C-alpha atoms as a PDB file:
ATOM      1  CA  UNK A   1     157.259 164.723  84.728  1.00  0.00           C
ATOM      2  CA  UNK A   2     154.798 167.681  85.380  1.00  0.00           C
ATOM      3  CA  UNK A   3     155.543 166.595  89.929  1.00  0.00           C
ATOM      4  CA  UNK A   4     159.454 167.304  89.456  1.00  0.00           C
ATOM      5  CA  UNK A   5     158.496 171.061  87.716  1.00  0.00           C
ATOM      6  CA  UNK A   6     156.096 171.388  90.495  1.00  0.00           C
ATOM      7  CA  UNK A   7     158.529 170.492  93.601  1.00  0.00           C
ATOM      8  CA  UNK A   8     161.287 172.618  91.392  1.00  0.00           C
ATOM      9  CA  UNK A   9     158.189 175.818  91.289  1.00  0.00           C
ATOM     10  CA  UNK A  10     157.862 175.202  95.296  1.00  0.00           C
ATOM     11  CA  UNK A  11     160.970 174.372  97.455  1.00  0.00           C
ATOM     12  CA  UNK A  12     163.674 175.326  94.118  1.00  0.00           C
ATOM     13  CA  UNK A  13     165.707 178.603  94.758  1.00  0.00           C
ATOM     14  CA  UNK A  14     166.416 180.711  91.834  1.00  0.00           C
ATOM     15  CA  UNK A  15     169.844 179.848  90.586  1.00  0.00           C
ATOM     16  CA  UNK A  16     172.043 178.682  88.084  1.00  0.00           C
ATOM     17  CA  UNK A  17     169.960 175.756  86.308  1.00  0.00           C
ATOM     18  CA  UNK A  18     166.681 175.630  87.584  1.00  0.00           C
ATOM     19  CA  UNK A  19     165.750 177.225  84.126  1.00  0.00           C
ATOM     20  CA  UNK A  20     167.577 174.714  82.024  1.00  0.00           C
ATOM     21  CA  UNK A  21     166.295 171.781  84.252  1.00  0.00           C
ATOM     22  CA  UNK A  22     162.832 173.116  83.338  1.00  0.00           C
ATOM     23  CA  UNK A  23     163.488 173.249  80.016  1.00  0.00           C
ATOM     24  CA  UNK A  24     164.670 169.223  80.556  1.00  0.00           C
ATOM     25  CA  UNK A  25     161.296 168.279  82.336  1.00  0.00           C
ATOM     26  CA  UNK A  26     159.555 170.007  79.458  1.00  0.00           C
ATOM     27  CA  UNK A  27     160.914 168.201  76.648  1.00  0.00           C
ATOM     28  CA  UNK A  28     162.872 170.224  75.039  1.00  0.00           C
ATOM     29  CA  UNK A  29     166.825 169.997  73.890  1.00  0.00           C
ATOM     30  CA  UNK A  30     169.480 171.798  75.859  1.00  0.00           C
ATOM     31  CA  UNK A  31     173.068 171.972  75.197  1.00  0.00           C
ATOM     32  CA  UNK A  32     175.821 170.489  76.412  1.00  0.00           C
ATOM     33  CA  UNK A  33     176.938 173.927  79.165  1.00  0.00           C
ATOM     34  CA  UNK A  34     173.224 174.227  80.051  1.00  0.00           C
ATOM     35  CA  UNK A  35     173.057 170.099  80.339  1.00  0.00           C
ATOM     36  CA  UNK A  36     175.732 170.680  82.948  1.00  0.00           C
ATOM     37  CA  UNK A  37     173.931 173.710  84.577  1.00  0.00           C
ATOM     38  CA  UNK A  38     171.082 171.645  84.573  1.00  0.00           C
ATOM     39  CA  UNK A  39     172.230 168.267  86.603  1.00  0.00           C
ATOM     40  CA  UNK A  40     174.131 170.179  89.116  1.00  0.00           C
ATOM     41  CA  UNK A  41     170.639 171.940  90.330  1.00  0.00           C
ATOM     42  CA  UNK A  42     169.031 168.324  89.889  1.00  0.00           C
ATOM     43  CA  UNK A  43     171.819 167.220  92.243  1.00  0.00           C
ATOM     44  CA  UNK A  44     172.284 169.693  94.576  1.00  0.00           C
ATOM     45  CA  UNK A  45     168.691 169.098  95.544  1.00  0.00           C
ATOM     46  CA  UNK A  46     167.401 171.981  93.383  1.00  0.00           C
ATOM     47  CA  UNK A  47     169.895 174.257  95.901  1.00  0.00           C
ATOM     48  CA  UNK A  48     167.424 174.674  99.083  1.00  0.00           C
ATOM     49  CA  UNK A  49     170.347 174.384 101.038  1.00  0.00           C
ATOM     50  CA  UNK A  50     171.936 177.361  99.587  1.00  0.00           C
ATOM     51  CA  UNK A  51     173.857 177.600  96.254  1.00  0.00           C
ATOM     52  CA  UNK A  52     177.091 176.317  97.891  1.00  0.00           C
ATOM     53  CA  UNK A  53     179.803 174.076  96.197  1.00  0.00           C
ATOM     54  CA  UNK A  54     178.820 170.249  96.787  1.00  0.00           C
ATOM     55  CA  UNK A  55     182.563 169.440  97.873  1.00  0.00           C
ATOM     56  CA  UNK A  56     181.934 165.820  95.745  1.00  0.00           C
ATOM     57  CA  UNK A  57     185.595 166.882  94.159  1.00  0.00           C
ATOM     58  CA  UNK A  58     185.186 163.201  92.497  1.00  0.00           C
ATOM     59  CA  UNK A  59     182.643 163.820  90.127  1.00  0.00           C
ATOM     60  CA  UNK A  60     183.670 164.537  86.513  1.00  0.00           C
ATOM     61  CA  UNK A  61     181.381 167.926  86.549  1.00  0.00           C
ATOM     62  CA  UNK A  62     182.557 169.028  89.907  1.00  0.00           C
ATOM     63  CA  UNK A  63     185.436 171.604  88.021  1.00  0.00           C
ATOM     64  CA  UNK A  64     182.312 173.018  85.776  1.00  0.00           C
ATOM     65  CA  UNK A  65     179.560 173.172  88.876  1.00  0.00           C
ATOM     66  CA  UNK A  66     178.587 177.333  88.474  1.00  0.00           C
ATOM     67  CA  UNK A  67     178.956 177.738  92.572  1.00  0.00           C
ATOM     68  CA  UNK A  68     182.468 175.454  93.136  1.00  0.00           C
ATOM     69  CA  UNK A  69     184.760 176.795  95.392  1.00  0.00           C
ATOM     70  CA  UNK A  70     187.662 177.551  93.782  1.00  0.00           C
ATOM     71  CA  UNK A  71     190.186 177.132  97.311  1.00  0.00           C
ATOM     72  CA  UNK A  72     188.614 173.587  96.837  1.00  0.00           C
ATOM     73  CA  UNK A  73     190.189 172.218  93.975  1.00  0.00           C
END
């Protein structure tokens, strides 16, 4: 977990979900919305390529993704 936190601090953008992901890695509890933000941050590779829509429409969390395009629906 410490290694992942170091990766986030080194490569991850300051984006929605970063704080929540770090909180999770520290073993602290998250509320449902925070967990969704953390998962999107993790799944998107810490938004290293930018704050963009993942375009994974089959993902059950896509509707809650913080940077999803409203036109992708």
